[in-house]
Amino acid sequence: MSTSVTPRLEPSVEPVSYGPLSSLAAYIAVSLMARPADAAVLAAWRERLAGRDLELVSEAVSAPQ
C-alpha cells in the first residue's frame, strides 16, 4: 500500500484580498460622491419591485405625411 504525501503549501491570502478590498473601497468612494437618485425615480423603482406596472404616459406624436 503506497500513499503519496503532497507537501502542504501555505496559501498567501494578501494578494487575493487586494482585489475585492480595492473594489469595495472604490464602490464606497463613488457612492459617497454620487448624487442621490430623484424621489420620482425611487418611487418608480419601488412600484416596479412591488410588482405593480407603471403605465408610461406618452404624448401622441403624429407621423409626417
N, C-alpha and C. Protein backbone atom coordinates (compact mmCIF):
# COMPACT_ATOMS: atom_id res chain seq x y z
N MET A 1 0.85 -1.17 0.00
CA MET A 1 0.00 0.00 0.00
C MET A 1 0.89 1.23 0.00
N SER A 2 0.68 2.05 -1.03
CA SER A 2 1.52 3.22 -1.20
C SER A 2 0.66 4.47 -1.08
N THR A 3 1.11 5.37 -0.29
CA THR A 3 0.40 6.64 -0.16
C THR A 3 1.35 7.75 -0.58
N SER A 4 0.80 8.67 -1.32
CA SER A 4 1.64 9.80 -1.72
C SER A 4 1.34 10.97 -0.79
N VAL A 5 2.38 11.57 -0.39
CA VAL A 5 2.23 12.71 0.51
C VAL A 5 2.58 13.97 -0.28
N THR A 6 1.63 14.87 -0.35
CA THR A 6 1.90 16.13 -1.03
C THR A 6 2.27 17.16 0.02
N PRO A 7 3.25 17.97 -0.30
CA PRO A 7 3.63 18.99 0.68
C PRO A 7 2.50 20.00 0.87
N ARG A 8 2.30 20.39 2.07
CA ARG A 8 1.27 21.37 2.38
C ARG A 8 1.83 22.76 2.19
N LEU A 9 1.22 23.48 1.26
CA LEU A 9 1.66 24.83 0.98
C LEU A 9 0.75 25.82 1.68
N GLU A 10 1.34 26.77 2.33
CA GLU A 10 0.56 27.81 2.99
C GLU A 10 0.13 28.82 1.95
N PRO A 11 -1.16 29.01 1.77
CA PRO A 11 -1.60 29.98 0.76
C PRO A 11 -1.36 31.41 1.24
N SER A 12 -1.02 32.24 0.31
CA SER A 12 -0.84 33.65 0.62
C SER A 12 -2.17 34.35 0.39
N VAL A 13 -2.76 34.88 1.41
CA VAL A 13 -4.08 35.49 1.32
C VAL A 13 -4.00 36.94 0.87
N GLU A 14 -2.90 37.57 1.11
CA GLU A 14 -2.79 39.01 0.85
C GLU A 14 -3.07 39.41 -0.59
N PRO A 15 -2.41 38.84 -1.60
CA PRO A 15 -2.68 39.30 -2.97
C PRO A 15 -4.12 39.05 -3.42
N VAL A 16 -4.71 37.97 -2.94
CA VAL A 16 -6.08 37.66 -3.34
C VAL A 16 -7.06 38.66 -2.74
N SER A 17 -6.78 39.14 -1.57
CA SER A 17 -7.71 40.05 -0.90
C SER A 17 -7.57 41.49 -1.37
N TYR A 18 -6.50 41.83 -2.07
CA TYR A 18 -6.33 43.20 -2.55
C TYR A 18 -7.40 43.59 -3.56
N GLY A 19 -7.75 42.69 -4.46
CA GLY A 19 -8.75 42.98 -5.48
C GLY A 19 -10.11 43.31 -4.90
N PRO A 20 -10.70 42.40 -4.11
CA PRO A 20 -12.02 42.70 -3.53
C PRO A 20 -12.01 43.92 -2.60
N LEU A 21 -10.93 44.09 -1.85
CA LEU A 21 -10.88 45.24 -0.94
C LEU A 21 -10.78 46.55 -1.71
N SER A 22 -10.00 46.57 -2.80
CA SER A 22 -9.92 47.80 -3.58
C SER A 22 -11.23 48.07 -4.32
N SER A 23 -11.91 47.01 -4.75
CA SER A 23 -13.22 47.20 -5.38
C SER A 23 -14.22 47.76 -4.39
N LEU A 24 -14.21 47.25 -3.17
CA LEU A 24 -15.12 47.76 -2.14
C LEU A 24 -14.82 49.22 -1.83
N ALA A 25 -13.54 49.56 -1.73
CA ALA A 25 -13.17 50.95 -1.44
C ALA A 25 -13.61 51.88 -2.58
N ALA A 26 -13.44 51.44 -3.82
CA ALA A 26 -13.87 52.26 -4.96
C ALA A 26 -15.38 52.41 -4.98
N TYR A 27 -16.11 51.34 -4.69
CA TYR A 27 -17.57 51.39 -4.67
C TYR A 27 -18.06 52.38 -3.61
N ILE A 28 -17.47 52.33 -2.44
CA ILE A 28 -17.88 53.23 -1.35
C ILE A 28 -17.55 54.68 -1.72
N ALA A 29 -16.37 54.91 -2.28
CA ALA A 29 -15.96 56.27 -2.64
C ALA A 29 -16.89 56.85 -3.70
N VAL A 30 -17.20 56.08 -4.73
CA VAL A 30 -18.08 56.57 -5.79
C VAL A 30 -19.49 56.76 -5.27
N SER A 31 -19.95 55.87 -4.40
CA SER A 31 -21.29 56.00 -3.83
C SER A 31 -21.43 57.27 -3.01
N LEU A 32 -20.39 57.62 -2.29
CA LEU A 32 -20.44 58.83 -1.47
C LEU A 32 -20.33 60.10 -2.30
N MET A 33 -19.67 60.02 -3.46
CA MET A 33 -19.52 61.20 -4.30
C MET A 33 -20.70 61.43 -5.24
N ALA A 34 -21.45 60.38 -5.53
CA ALA A 34 -22.55 60.49 -6.49
C ALA A 34 -23.76 61.17 -5.85
N ARG A 35 -24.53 61.84 -6.71
CA ARG A 35 -25.76 62.45 -6.22
C ARG A 35 -26.80 61.36 -5.98
N PRO A 36 -27.65 61.54 -4.97
CA PRO A 36 -28.71 60.55 -4.75
C PRO A 36 -29.75 60.60 -5.87
N ALA A 37 -30.44 59.50 -6.07
CA ALA A 37 -31.46 59.44 -7.12
C ALA A 37 -32.64 60.33 -6.75
N ASP A 38 -33.33 60.81 -7.77
CA ASP A 38 -34.51 61.64 -7.56
C ASP A 38 -35.60 60.82 -6.87
N ALA A 39 -36.47 61.51 -6.17
CA ALA A 39 -37.56 60.85 -5.46
C ALA A 39 -38.50 60.15 -6.44
N ALA A 40 -38.71 60.73 -7.62
CA ALA A 40 -39.60 60.12 -8.61
C ALA A 40 -39.02 58.81 -9.13
N VAL A 41 -37.70 58.77 -9.31
CA VAL A 41 -37.05 57.55 -9.77
C VAL A 41 -37.15 56.46 -8.71
N LEU A 42 -36.90 56.83 -7.46
CA LEU A 42 -37.00 55.86 -6.37
C LEU A 42 -38.43 55.33 -6.23
N ALA A 43 -39.40 56.21 -6.37
CA ALA A 43 -40.80 55.78 -6.27
C ALA A 43 -41.14 54.81 -7.40
N ALA A 44 -40.66 55.09 -8.61
CA ALA A 44 -40.91 54.19 -9.74
C ALA A 44 -40.28 52.83 -9.50
N TRP A 45 -39.06 52.80 -8.98
CA TRP A 45 -38.42 51.52 -8.69
C TRP A 45 -39.16 50.76 -7.61
N ARG A 46 -39.63 51.45 -6.60
CA ARG A 46 -40.38 50.76 -5.54
C ARG A 46 -41.66 50.15 -6.09
N GLU A 47 -42.32 50.87 -7.00
CA GLU A 47 -43.54 50.34 -7.63
C GLU A 47 -43.21 49.09 -8.45
N ARG A 48 -42.13 49.15 -9.20
CA ARG A 48 -41.75 48.00 -10.03
C ARG A 48 -41.36 46.81 -9.17
N LEU A 49 -40.64 47.06 -8.07
CA LEU A 49 -40.25 45.97 -7.18
C LEU A 49 -41.45 45.35 -6.48
N ALA A 50 -42.48 46.15 -6.26
CA ALA A 50 -43.70 45.64 -5.63
C ALA A 50 -44.55 44.85 -6.62
N GLY A 51 -44.16 44.86 -7.89
CA GLY A 51 -44.90 44.09 -8.89
C GLY A 51 -45.98 44.87 -9.59
N ARG A 52 -46.09 46.14 -9.29
CA ARG A 52 -47.09 46.96 -9.97
C ARG A 52 -46.45 47.58 -11.19
N ASP A 53 -47.14 47.49 -12.31
CA ASP A 53 -46.60 48.03 -13.55
C ASP A 53 -46.98 49.49 -13.68
N LEU A 54 -46.02 50.28 -14.02
CA LEU A 54 -46.29 51.69 -14.27
C LEU A 54 -46.63 51.86 -15.73
N GLU A 55 -47.71 52.56 -15.98
CA GLU A 55 -48.07 52.85 -17.36
C GLU A 55 -47.41 54.16 -17.74
N LEU A 56 -46.64 54.09 -18.80
CA LEU A 56 -45.96 55.30 -19.25
C LEU A 56 -46.95 56.20 -19.97
N VAL A 57 -46.92 57.45 -19.60
CA VAL A 57 -47.77 58.43 -20.25
C VAL A 57 -46.94 59.08 -21.33
N SER A 58 -47.33 58.88 -22.56
CA SER A 58 -46.57 59.49 -23.65
C SER A 58 -47.53 60.31 -24.48
N GLU A 59 -46.98 61.34 -25.07
CA GLU A 59 -47.79 62.20 -25.92
C GLU A 59 -47.97 61.55 -27.28
N ALA A 60 -49.11 61.78 -27.87
CA ALA A 60 -49.33 61.26 -29.21
C ALA A 60 -48.53 62.08 -30.20
N VAL A 61 -47.75 61.40 -30.99
CA VAL A 61 -46.92 62.08 -31.98
C VAL A 61 -47.43 61.67 -33.34
N SER A 62 -47.78 62.67 -34.12
CA SER A 62 -48.29 62.36 -35.46
C SER A 62 -47.11 62.16 -36.41
N ALA A 63 -47.25 61.17 -37.25
CA ALA A 63 -46.21 60.88 -38.22
C ALA A 63 -46.31 61.84 -39.38
N PRO A 64 -45.19 62.29 -39.89
CA PRO A 64 -45.24 63.20 -41.05
C PRO A 64 -45.80 62.48 -42.27
N GLN A 65 -46.60 63.18 -43.06
CA GLN A 65 -47.23 62.54 -44.22
C GLN A 65 -46.77 63.13 -45.50
